[in-house]
Protein backbone atom coordinates (compact mmCIF):
# COMPACT_ATOMS: atom_id res chain seq x y z
CA MET A 1 -53.39 -12.87 9.51
CA VAL A 2 -50.53 -10.72 10.06
CA THR A 3 -49.12 -7.80 7.81
CA LYS A 4 -45.34 -8.17 7.11
CA TYR A 5 -43.43 -5.00 5.74
CA PHE A 6 -39.95 -5.44 3.76
CA GLY A 7 -38.86 -2.28 2.07
CA ARG A 8 -41.61 -0.80 -0.16
CA ARG A 9 -43.06 -4.17 -0.17
CA MET A 10 -46.05 -5.49 1.80
CA PHE A 11 -47.00 -9.03 2.22
CA LEU A 12 -49.99 -10.74 3.97
CA GLN A 13 -49.27 -14.16 5.52
CA GLU A 14 -51.85 -16.17 7.47
CA THR A 15 -50.77 -16.75 11.25
CA ASN A 16 -50.48 -20.47 10.69
CA GLY A 17 -48.24 -20.02 7.96
CA SER A 18 -50.75 -20.79 4.70
CA ILE A 19 -50.95 -18.80 1.92
CA PRO A 20 -53.44 -15.75 2.12
CA ALA A 21 -56.66 -15.48 0.39
CA PRO A 22 -56.47 -14.16 -3.16
CA GLN A 23 -56.16 -10.42 -3.28
CA GLU A 24 -57.60 -7.95 -5.94
CA MET A 25 -56.16 -9.01 -9.17
CA GLU A 26 -54.90 -12.38 -7.99
CA THR A 27 -58.55 -13.69 -8.56
CA PHE A 28 -57.86 -13.42 -12.32
CA LEU A 29 -54.67 -15.73 -12.10
CA SER A 30 -54.43 -19.23 -13.21
CA PRO A 31 -53.49 -21.88 -10.24
CA GLU A 32 -50.13 -21.79 -12.19
CA GLU A 33 -49.63 -18.09 -12.51
CA LYS A 34 -50.63 -17.92 -8.70
CA LYS A 35 -47.81 -20.39 -8.02
CA ASN A 36 -45.17 -18.38 -9.96
CA GLU A 37 -46.37 -15.29 -8.26
CA ILE A 38 -45.68 -16.62 -4.87
CA VAL A 39 -42.16 -18.20 -5.72
CA VAL A 40 -41.36 -14.46 -7.38
CA SER A 41 -42.43 -12.61 -4.22
CA LYS A 42 -40.40 -15.05 -1.98
CA TYR A 43 -37.37 -14.68 -4.19
CA ASN A 44 -37.69 -10.35 -4.15
CA LEU A 45 -38.26 -10.83 -0.37
CA ALA A 46 -35.28 -13.06 0.12
CA LYS A 47 -33.09 -10.91 -2.17
CA ASP A 48 -34.36 -7.71 -0.44
CA ALA A 49 -33.43 -9.18 3.08
CA GLU A 50 -30.08 -10.35 2.04
CA SER A 51 -29.17 -6.72 0.35
CA ALA A 52 -30.19 -4.97 3.13
CA GLU A 53 -27.78 -6.99 5.48
CA PHE A 54 -24.79 -7.19 3.69
CA ASP A 55 -22.68 -3.94 3.25
CA PRO A 56 -19.63 -4.77 0.93
CA PHE A 57 -17.61 -1.72 2.52
CA ASN A 58 -17.88 -2.92 5.92
CA GLU A 59 -17.15 -6.45 5.11
CA ARG A 60 -14.17 -5.48 3.03
CA LYS A 61 -11.26 -6.54 4.85
CA LEU A 62 -7.83 -5.03 3.89
CA GLU A 63 -4.51 -5.48 5.70
CA ASN A 64 -3.15 -2.16 4.47
CA PRO A 65 -5.52 0.10 3.28
CA THR A 66 -4.86 3.21 1.57
CA SER A 67 -6.46 6.63 2.70
CA ASN A 68 -8.09 9.03 0.34
CA ASN A 69 -4.83 11.05 0.04
CA ASP A 70 -2.84 7.93 -0.83
CA THR A 71 -5.55 7.32 -3.49
CA LEU A 72 -5.58 10.83 -4.90
CA THR A 73 -1.69 10.66 -5.25
CA HIS A 74 -1.67 7.39 -6.97
CA LEU A 75 -4.53 8.82 -9.42
CA LEU A 76 -2.77 11.89 -10.24
CA LYS A 77 0.49 9.84 -10.94
CA ALA A 78 -1.60 7.62 -13.24
CA SER A 79 -3.16 10.51 -14.99
CA LEU A 80 0.16 12.67 -15.32
CA GLY A 81 2.02 10.15 -17.54
CA THR A 82 4.36 10.67 -20.43
CA GLY A 83 1.26 11.42 -22.61
CA ILE A 84 0.87 14.98 -21.22
CA LEU A 85 4.23 15.90 -23.52
CA ALA A 86 2.46 15.13 -26.27
CA MET A 87 -0.28 17.91 -25.69
CA PRO A 88 1.16 20.43 -27.66
CA LYS A 89 1.22 18.44 -30.55
CA ALA A 90 -2.41 17.59 -29.84
CA PHE A 91 -3.33 21.34 -29.74
CA LYS A 92 -1.31 21.53 -33.25
CA CYS A 93 -3.98 19.02 -34.60
CA ALA A 94 -7.23 20.99 -33.14
CA GLY A 95 -6.18 24.85 -32.86
CA LEU A 96 -5.65 26.52 -29.52
CA VAL A 97 -9.68 27.31 -28.99
CA ASN A 98 -10.79 23.61 -30.20
CA GLY A 99 -7.74 22.40 -28.23
CA ILE A 100 -9.14 23.84 -25.16
CA LEU A 101 -12.85 22.67 -25.68
CA PHE A 102 -11.90 19.36 -26.94
CA THR A 103 -9.39 18.48 -23.81
CA VAL A 104 -12.19 19.53 -21.54
CA LEU A 105 -14.46 17.26 -23.44
CA VAL A 106 -12.18 14.33 -23.36
CA ALA A 107 -11.47 14.70 -19.52
CA VAL A 108 -15.23 15.12 -18.92
CA VAL A 109 -15.72 11.78 -20.77
CA CYS A 110 -13.32 9.97 -19.48
CA THR A 111 -13.96 10.82 -16.10
CA HIS A 112 -17.39 10.07 -16.29
CA CYS A 113 -16.52 6.66 -17.59
CA SER A 114 -14.39 6.21 -14.63
CA TYR A 115 -16.93 7.06 -12.45
CA ILE A 116 -19.64 4.81 -14.03
CA LEU A 117 -17.41 1.92 -13.84
CA ILE A 118 -16.94 2.58 -10.11
CA LYS A 119 -20.51 3.29 -9.24
CA CYS A 120 -21.46 0.08 -11.15
CA ALA A 121 -19.09 -1.84 -9.06
CA HIS A 122 -20.64 -0.48 -5.96
CA VAL A 123 -23.95 -1.90 -7.28
CA LEU A 124 -22.39 -5.26 -8.48
CA TYR A 125 -20.81 -5.70 -4.98
CA LYS A 126 -24.23 -6.17 -3.34
CA LYS A 127 -25.66 -8.05 -6.36
CA THR A 128 -22.89 -10.69 -6.05
CA ARG A 129 -22.07 -10.38 -2.25
CA ARG A 130 -18.41 -9.64 -3.16
CA THR A 131 -16.23 -6.83 -1.41
CA ASN A 132 -14.06 -5.89 -4.21
CA MET A 133 -13.82 -6.65 -8.14
CA THR A 134 -11.31 -5.88 -10.80
CA PHE A 135 -12.15 -4.22 -14.08
CA PRO A 136 -12.46 -7.90 -16.07
CA GLU A 137 -14.70 -9.03 -13.15
CA VAL A 138 -16.85 -5.95 -13.31
CA ALA A 139 -17.14 -6.43 -17.06
CA ALA A 140 -17.86 -10.20 -16.56
CA SER A 141 -20.64 -9.62 -14.35
CA PHE A 142 -23.40 -9.19 -16.67
CA LYS A 143 -23.30 -12.29 -18.79
CA GLY A 144 15.37 2.76 -38.25
CA VAL A 145 18.83 0.63 -37.75
CA GLY A 146 21.89 2.62 -36.25
CA GLU A 147 24.06 3.16 -33.57
CA ASP A 148 21.97 5.42 -31.55
CA ASP A 149 18.96 2.58 -31.76
CA ILE A 150 21.49 0.04 -30.25
CA ASP A 151 22.35 2.43 -27.27
CA ILE A 152 18.74 2.92 -26.65
CA ARG A 153 17.91 -0.79 -26.67
CA PHE A 154 21.08 -1.20 -24.01
CA TYR A 155 19.68 1.53 -21.70
CA ILE A 156 16.40 -0.23 -21.95
CA THR A 157 17.88 -3.29 -21.06
CA CYS A 158 19.81 -1.96 -18.25
CA LEU A 159 16.39 -1.07 -16.78
CA LEU A 160 15.00 -4.84 -16.67
CA VAL A 161 16.49 -5.30 -12.82
CA PRO A 162 15.11 -1.97 -11.38
CA LEU A 163 11.79 -2.68 -12.96
CA ILE A 164 11.54 -6.05 -11.53
CA LEU A 165 12.18 -4.65 -7.99
CA MET A 166 9.56 -2.11 -8.48
CA ALA A 167 7.22 -4.84 -9.71
CA TYR A 168 8.04 -6.90 -6.57
CA VAL A 169 6.11 -4.20 -4.44
CA ARG A 170 2.61 -6.19 -4.16
CA ASN A 171 0.69 -3.47 -1.66
CA LEU A 172 -0.83 0.05 -2.95
CA LYS A 173 -0.26 1.25 0.35
CA TYR A 174 3.37 0.76 0.13
CA LEU A 175 3.54 2.19 -3.49
CA ALA A 176 2.02 5.63 -2.34
CA PRO A 177 5.42 7.20 -1.40
CA VAL A 178 6.76 6.13 -4.71
CA SER A 179 3.92 7.99 -6.50
CA MET A 180 4.48 10.97 -4.30
CA ILE A 181 8.13 10.83 -5.34
CA ALA A 182 6.90 10.39 -9.11
CA ASN A 183 4.47 13.44 -8.56
CA VAL A 184 7.36 15.67 -7.10
CA PHE A 185 9.82 14.82 -10.27
CA MET A 186 7.00 15.09 -12.63
CA ALA A 187 6.39 18.73 -11.34
CA VAL A 188 9.98 19.58 -11.38
CA GLY A 189 9.94 18.51 -15.23
CA LEU A 190 6.68 20.43 -15.82
CA GLY A 191 7.89 23.38 -13.87
CA ILE A 192 11.03 23.93 -16.00
CA THR A 193 9.20 23.06 -19.44
CA PHE A 194 6.64 25.72 -18.43
CA TYR A 195 9.61 28.08 -17.75
CA TYR A 196 10.99 27.30 -21.36
CA LEU A 197 7.51 28.09 -22.59
CA VAL A 198 6.80 31.51 -21.04
CA GLY A 199 10.32 32.89 -19.86
CA THR A 200 12.97 31.89 -22.51
CA GLY A 201 11.36 33.43 -25.46
CA GLU A 202 8.33 34.80 -27.22
CA LEU A 203 5.17 33.19 -27.81
CA LYS A 204 3.66 33.33 -31.50
CA THR A 205 0.98 35.56 -30.59
CA SER A 206 1.22 37.29 -34.14
CA GLU A 207 0.37 33.88 -35.64
CA MET A 208 -2.48 33.35 -33.27
CA ASN A 209 -5.41 33.95 -35.76
CA ASN A 210 -3.98 30.84 -37.78
CA MET A 211 -3.64 28.71 -34.88
CA LEU A 212 -7.16 29.17 -33.41
CA PHE A 213 -8.86 26.45 -35.35
CA LYS A 214 -7.63 23.42 -37.69
CA MET A 215 -9.46 21.38 -40.29
CA PRO A 216 -11.84 18.67 -38.96
CA SER A 217 -9.32 16.16 -40.85
CA GLU A 218 -6.98 16.97 -38.30
CA TRP A 219 -9.26 16.41 -35.19
CA PRO A 220 -9.00 12.32 -34.83
CA GLU A 221 -5.29 12.91 -34.09
CA PHE A 222 -6.07 15.23 -31.11
CA PHE A 223 -8.24 12.74 -29.79
CA SER A 224 -6.25 9.87 -30.14
CA LEU A 225 -3.40 11.47 -28.39
CA SER A 226 -5.51 13.04 -25.81
CA ILE A 227 -7.30 10.06 -24.74
CA PHE A 228 -3.94 8.23 -24.64
CA ALA A 229 -2.47 11.04 -22.28
CA MET A 230 -5.63 11.19 -19.87
CA GLU A 231 -7.25 7.74 -19.77
CA ALA A 232 -6.74 6.28 -16.45
CA ILE A 233 -9.37 3.85 -16.22
CA GLY A 234 -7.11 0.85 -15.84
CA VAL A 235 -6.24 1.67 -12.31
CA VAL A 236 -9.44 3.05 -10.91
CA MET A 237 -10.78 -0.39 -9.60
CA PRO A 238 -7.47 -1.57 -8.11
CA LEU A 239 -7.21 2.25 -6.25
CA GLU A 240 -10.90 1.69 -5.26
CA ASN A 241 -10.40 -1.89 -4.03
CA ALA A 242 -7.49 -0.58 -1.75
CA MET A 243 -9.17 2.40 -0.19
CA LYS A 244 -10.19 2.56 3.69
CA THR A 245 -13.27 4.45 2.60
CA PRO A 246 -14.33 3.54 -0.85
CA ARG A 247 -16.97 5.67 -1.00
CA SER A 248 -14.78 8.79 -0.92
CA MET A 249 -13.84 7.97 -4.45
CA LEU A 250 -17.40 9.16 -5.87
CA GLY A 251 -19.33 12.29 -5.44
CA VAL A 252 -19.25 15.98 -6.85
CA CYS A 253 -16.05 16.43 -4.58
CA GLY A 254 -14.76 12.79 -4.44
CA VAL A 255 -11.12 11.72 -5.14
CA LEU A 256 -11.97 11.01 -8.46
CA ASN A 257 -13.33 14.44 -9.72
CA LYS A 258 -10.53 16.28 -7.37
CA GLY A 259 -7.80 14.25 -9.34
CA MET A 260 -9.11 14.85 -13.00
CA SER A 261 -10.07 18.54 -12.36
CA GLY A 262 -6.40 19.20 -11.52
CA VAL A 263 -4.85 16.93 -14.09
CA THR A 264 -7.22 18.60 -16.87
CA LEU A 265 -6.36 22.22 -16.14
CA VAL A 266 -2.56 20.90 -16.47
CA TYR A 267 -3.08 19.07 -19.68
CA ILE A 268 -4.74 22.51 -21.09
CA LEU A 269 -1.81 24.90 -19.93
CA LEU A 270 0.87 22.63 -21.53
CA GLY A 271 -0.99 21.81 -24.46
CA PHE A 272 -2.06 25.61 -25.11
CA LEU A 273 1.14 27.22 -24.14
CA GLY A 274 3.35 24.59 -26.08
CA TYR A 275 1.69 25.09 -29.11
CA LEU A 276 1.46 28.81 -28.91
CA ARG A 277 5.15 28.88 -28.00
CA TYR A 278 6.74 26.60 -30.79
CA GLY A 279 3.51 26.70 -33.43
CA GLU A 280 3.78 24.28 -36.24
CA ASP A 281 7.48 23.40 -35.25
CA VAL A 282 5.97 21.57 -31.84
CA LYS A 283 7.29 18.21 -31.97
CA ASP A 284 5.87 14.89 -30.75
CA SER A 285 7.11 15.42 -27.37
CA ILE A 286 7.36 19.17 -26.08
CA THR A 287 10.87 17.93 -24.36
CA LEU A 288 12.24 17.63 -28.05
CA ASN A 289 11.60 21.22 -28.41
CA LEU A 290 13.81 22.49 -25.59
CA GLU A 291 17.44 23.52 -26.02
CA GLN A 292 19.12 20.33 -26.04
CA GLY A 293 22.41 21.64 -24.55
CA ASP A 294 21.08 23.14 -21.55
CA THR A 295 21.58 22.10 -18.26
CA ALA A 296 17.93 22.73 -17.34
CA ALA A 297 16.56 20.85 -20.46
CA GLN A 298 18.66 17.81 -19.32
CA ILE A 299 17.34 18.44 -15.79
CA VAL A 300 13.69 17.88 -17.51
CA LYS A 301 14.57 14.57 -19.33
CA VAL A 302 16.20 12.97 -15.99
CA SER A 303 13.06 14.10 -13.81
CA ILE A 304 10.30 12.88 -16.20
CA ALA A 305 12.39 9.56 -16.86
CA ILE A 306 12.67 9.02 -12.76
CA ALA A 307 8.92 9.75 -12.60
CA VAL A 308 7.91 7.33 -15.22
CA TYR A 309 9.85 4.78 -13.52
CA CYS A 310 8.17 5.31 -10.43
CA THR A 311 4.94 4.91 -11.99
CA PHE A 312 5.87 1.53 -13.24
CA GLY A 313 4.80 -0.22 -10.01
CA LEU A 314 1.31 1.25 -10.46
CA GLN A 315 0.81 0.75 -13.74
CA PHE A 316 2.13 -3.03 -13.60
CA PHE A 317 -0.43 -3.46 -10.37
CA VAL A 318 -3.33 -3.39 -13.13
CA CYS A 319 -1.52 -6.03 -15.23
CA ILE A 320 -0.58 -8.45 -12.35
CA GLU A 321 -3.92 -8.28 -10.73
CA ILE A 322 -5.75 -9.16 -14.10
CA VAL A 323 -3.23 -12.14 -14.90
CA TRP A 324 -2.75 -13.33 -11.19
CA ASN A 325 -6.19 -13.75 -10.60
CA THR A 326 -6.58 -15.85 -13.48
CA ILE A 327 -3.81 -18.38 -12.96
CA LYS A 328 -3.52 -18.29 -8.99
CA ASP A 329 -5.69 -21.57 -8.41
CA LYS A 330 -2.98 -23.24 -10.08
CA PHE A 331 -0.33 -22.40 -7.59
CA THR A 332 -1.74 -23.52 -4.34
CA LYS A 333 1.51 -25.20 -3.10
CA ARG A 334 3.91 -22.13 -3.39
CA PRO A 335 1.77 -18.83 -4.33
CA ASN A 336 4.38 -16.26 -3.24
CA LEU A 337 7.20 -17.86 -5.28
CA ALA A 338 4.90 -18.18 -8.08
CA ASP A 339 3.56 -14.72 -7.86
CA TYR A 340 7.13 -13.43 -8.12
CA PHE A 341 7.83 -15.45 -11.06
CA VAL A 342 5.03 -14.16 -12.93
CA ARG A 343 5.66 -10.94 -12.15
CA THR A 344 9.37 -11.16 -13.35
CA VAL A 345 8.20 -13.05 -16.48
CA LEU A 346 5.88 -10.10 -17.45
CA VAL A 347 8.15 -7.32 -16.75
CA THR A 348 10.79 -9.20 -18.86
CA ILE A 349 7.98 -9.29 -21.56
CA CYS A 350 7.53 -5.70 -21.44
CA VAL A 351 11.25 -4.83 -21.56
CA LEU A 352 11.93 -7.26 -24.72
CA LEU A 353 8.83 -5.35 -26.28
CA ALA A 354 10.62 -2.02 -25.61
CA VAL A 355 13.88 -3.16 -26.93
CA ALA A 356 12.18 -4.57 -30.19
CA VAL A 357 10.31 -1.01 -30.63
CA PRO A 358 12.15 1.65 -28.78
CA THR A 359 10.42 4.59 -30.71
CA ILE A 360 7.04 4.86 -29.02
CA ALA A 361 5.85 7.88 -30.19
CA PRO A 362 4.15 6.34 -33.43
CA PHE A 363 2.25 3.90 -31.52
CA MET A 364 0.77 6.42 -28.65
CA GLY A 365 -2.05 7.22 -31.16
CA VAL A 366 -3.13 3.75 -31.96
CA ILE A 367 -2.90 2.79 -28.22
CA GLY A 368 -5.10 5.58 -27.42
CA ALA A 369 -7.62 5.25 -30.06
CA PHE A 370 -7.93 1.46 -30.45
CA CYS A 371 -7.19 0.30 -26.86
CA PHE A 372 -8.52 3.26 -24.81
CA SER A 373 -11.60 3.84 -26.73
CA ILE A 374 -12.75 0.45 -26.17
CA LEU A 375 -11.79 0.07 -22.35
CA GLY A 376 -11.98 3.52 -21.35
CA LEU A 377 -15.09 4.78 -23.50
CA ILE A 378 -17.31 2.17 -24.94
CA ALA A 379 -17.10 -0.67 -22.12
CA PRO A 380 -18.04 1.11 -19.27
CA ALA A 381 -21.29 2.57 -21.25
CA PHE A 382 -22.12 -1.27 -21.80
CA ILE A 383 -21.42 -1.87 -18.17
CA GLU A 384 -23.63 0.51 -16.88
CA VAL A 385 -26.50 -0.31 -19.07
CA ILE A 386 -26.35 -3.93 -18.00
CA THR A 387 -26.01 -2.98 -14.37
CA TYR A 388 -29.00 -0.93 -14.31
CA TRP A 389 -31.11 -3.12 -16.75
CA ASP A 390 -33.12 -4.80 -13.71
CA ILE A 391 -32.95 -1.43 -11.74
CA GLY A 392 -34.27 1.39 -14.14
CA PHE A 393 -32.68 4.06 -16.44
CA GLY A 394 -33.99 6.85 -14.78
CA ARG A 395 -36.21 9.47 -15.87
CA PHE A 396 -36.81 9.59 -19.96
CA ASN A 397 -34.38 6.46 -20.07
CA PHE A 398 -31.68 9.02 -19.35
CA ILE A 399 -28.97 6.54 -18.78
CA ILE A 400 -29.64 4.99 -22.09
CA TRP A 401 -29.43 8.10 -23.89
CA LYS A 402 -26.30 9.41 -22.28
CA ASN A 403 -24.59 6.11 -22.92
CA VAL A 404 -25.46 6.19 -26.60
CA LEU A 405 -23.58 9.77 -26.68
CA VAL A 406 -20.83 8.07 -25.31
CA LEU A 407 -20.79 5.21 -27.48
CA ILE A 408 -21.01 7.64 -30.53
CA PHE A 409 -17.86 9.59 -29.16
CA GLY A 410 -16.20 6.25 -28.48
CA LEU A 411 -16.69 4.90 -31.94
CA PHE A 412 -15.50 7.96 -33.56
CA ALA A 413 -12.37 7.89 -31.52
CA LEU A 414 -11.93 4.41 -32.29
CA ILE A 415 -12.71 4.48 -36.15
CA PHE A 416 -11.16 7.61 -37.21
CA GLY A 417 -8.47 7.83 -34.63
CA THR A 418 -7.17 4.17 -35.13
CA LYS A 419 -7.14 5.00 -38.97
CA GLU A 420 -5.17 8.07 -38.62
CA ALA A 421 -2.45 6.55 -36.11
CA VAL A 422 -2.02 3.44 -38.37
CA ILE A 423 -1.08 6.04 -41.42
CA SER A 424 1.22 7.68 -38.87
CA ILE A 425 2.92 4.49 -38.27
CA ILE A 426 3.19 3.59 -41.49
CA ASN A 427 4.66 6.65 -42.72
CA GLU A 428 6.99 6.64 -39.89
CA TYR A 429 8.62 2.90 -41.24
CA THR A 430 8.56 3.89 -44.73
CA LYS A 431 10.57 7.16 -44.76
C-alpha cells in the first residue's frame, strides 16, 4: 500500500491498484455509498490536480496587452464622465455634510462591487478553464420642439461619422492614448470650472447652515445622480481582460482602488464647491451656471465635449463585446467585414436615439437608479454568493451578510431612485 498526497487530501491506494481496505467510518457505509464515496474522491482528486496545473493568467495570450498605466488611464476616463457635472445638483439634494458622506458611501459600494466582480471572474477562470470573460459570461457562469432643438439634432447627426470611426478601433491598447487625451481635456474643463467656483465670486458661506442637511425625501435623487456618475462596472471586465498583469487590478493598492480613490475625491470637491457657490440656483449640469458669454466658459464646454467624444470608443467597447460575442459564430466567412458592419449599425442606433431625445438630463437619474443599481450593485452581489457557494462564505458567513447589505442598498437606490427619476421625467415633459 502507498500513500498519496494531493493538496490537503490524503488517499490510500494498494500498490496493485485495488481499492484499499475500509478505513474508520467507511465500515458503516453500505456498498452503494462506498462506491459513491470513491467516485467523489476521484472527482475531487482530478479537479484539484487540474486546477493546480491551469493558470489562466499565464495561459492568456494577447496580441497587444495593456499595461497597468494604460488600464488606470481607461478607468479614470470611464469614471470621470459627464455625470460629474451633475454632482453639485446631487449635493443640493443631500446637503453639504450628507453629500460628502453619501458620495464616499456610493464610491465604496460601487468600487467594492467592481472588485468582487473581478475577484469572482478570477475564481471562475479556473473553474471553467478560461482565460477571460465578459460581464455577461461571468453572470452566466452560475447556472419641447423649436429651432434650438433642430440645431441640436443637426449637430448630433454630424457626429455620426466621427463616432463610427472611433468605434472602428478594436483594441484597447490603441485606445489608451485616446483616453489620455480625453483625461487631459476633462482636466482642463474641470480646472476652469473650479476656477469659476472659487475665484470669480463669493461662496455662500452665510447660508451654509441651511445647506448642511436636506430632508430624506430628497436623498433618492442624490443616489440616482451619484450612482450614474460614478458607476463604471461595465468597463472593468474588458479592461481586466486586456491587461498584461490582470492580478494588478485587485489588491489594496491595485489599479481599481487607485483609480476610484482619485475619482471620489474629485467628485466630492466639485459637488461640495458647486453647491456652496451657487446654492439653490445650481443647475442640472454645473456648466449651465457658468457665465455663458465668457471665453473660459466656452472652453469648458468644448473641452468636455472633446473628452466625451474621446470616451465613446471605450464605452462602446463594452457594447460591441457583448453583441459581437453573441453573433460572431454566424459570420465565419467574412468576420472582419461583419464586425465593422455591426459596429456601424450600433453607432447609428446610438445617434438616432440621441436625435430622438436630445435632452439627456431627465434620463440620467432613471439610468443611474434602474440600470446601474441592477448591473452595478445587485448583480455583483449575487455573482459573488453563487461563485463562493461551494468554496465557503468565510467566518460567520461574512460574504452572505455583507452582500445582504449591498442588496438592501441596491434595492433602495433601485426603487426610490427610479420613482423620483420617473417623476422628474414626467414633470419635464408636461411643463
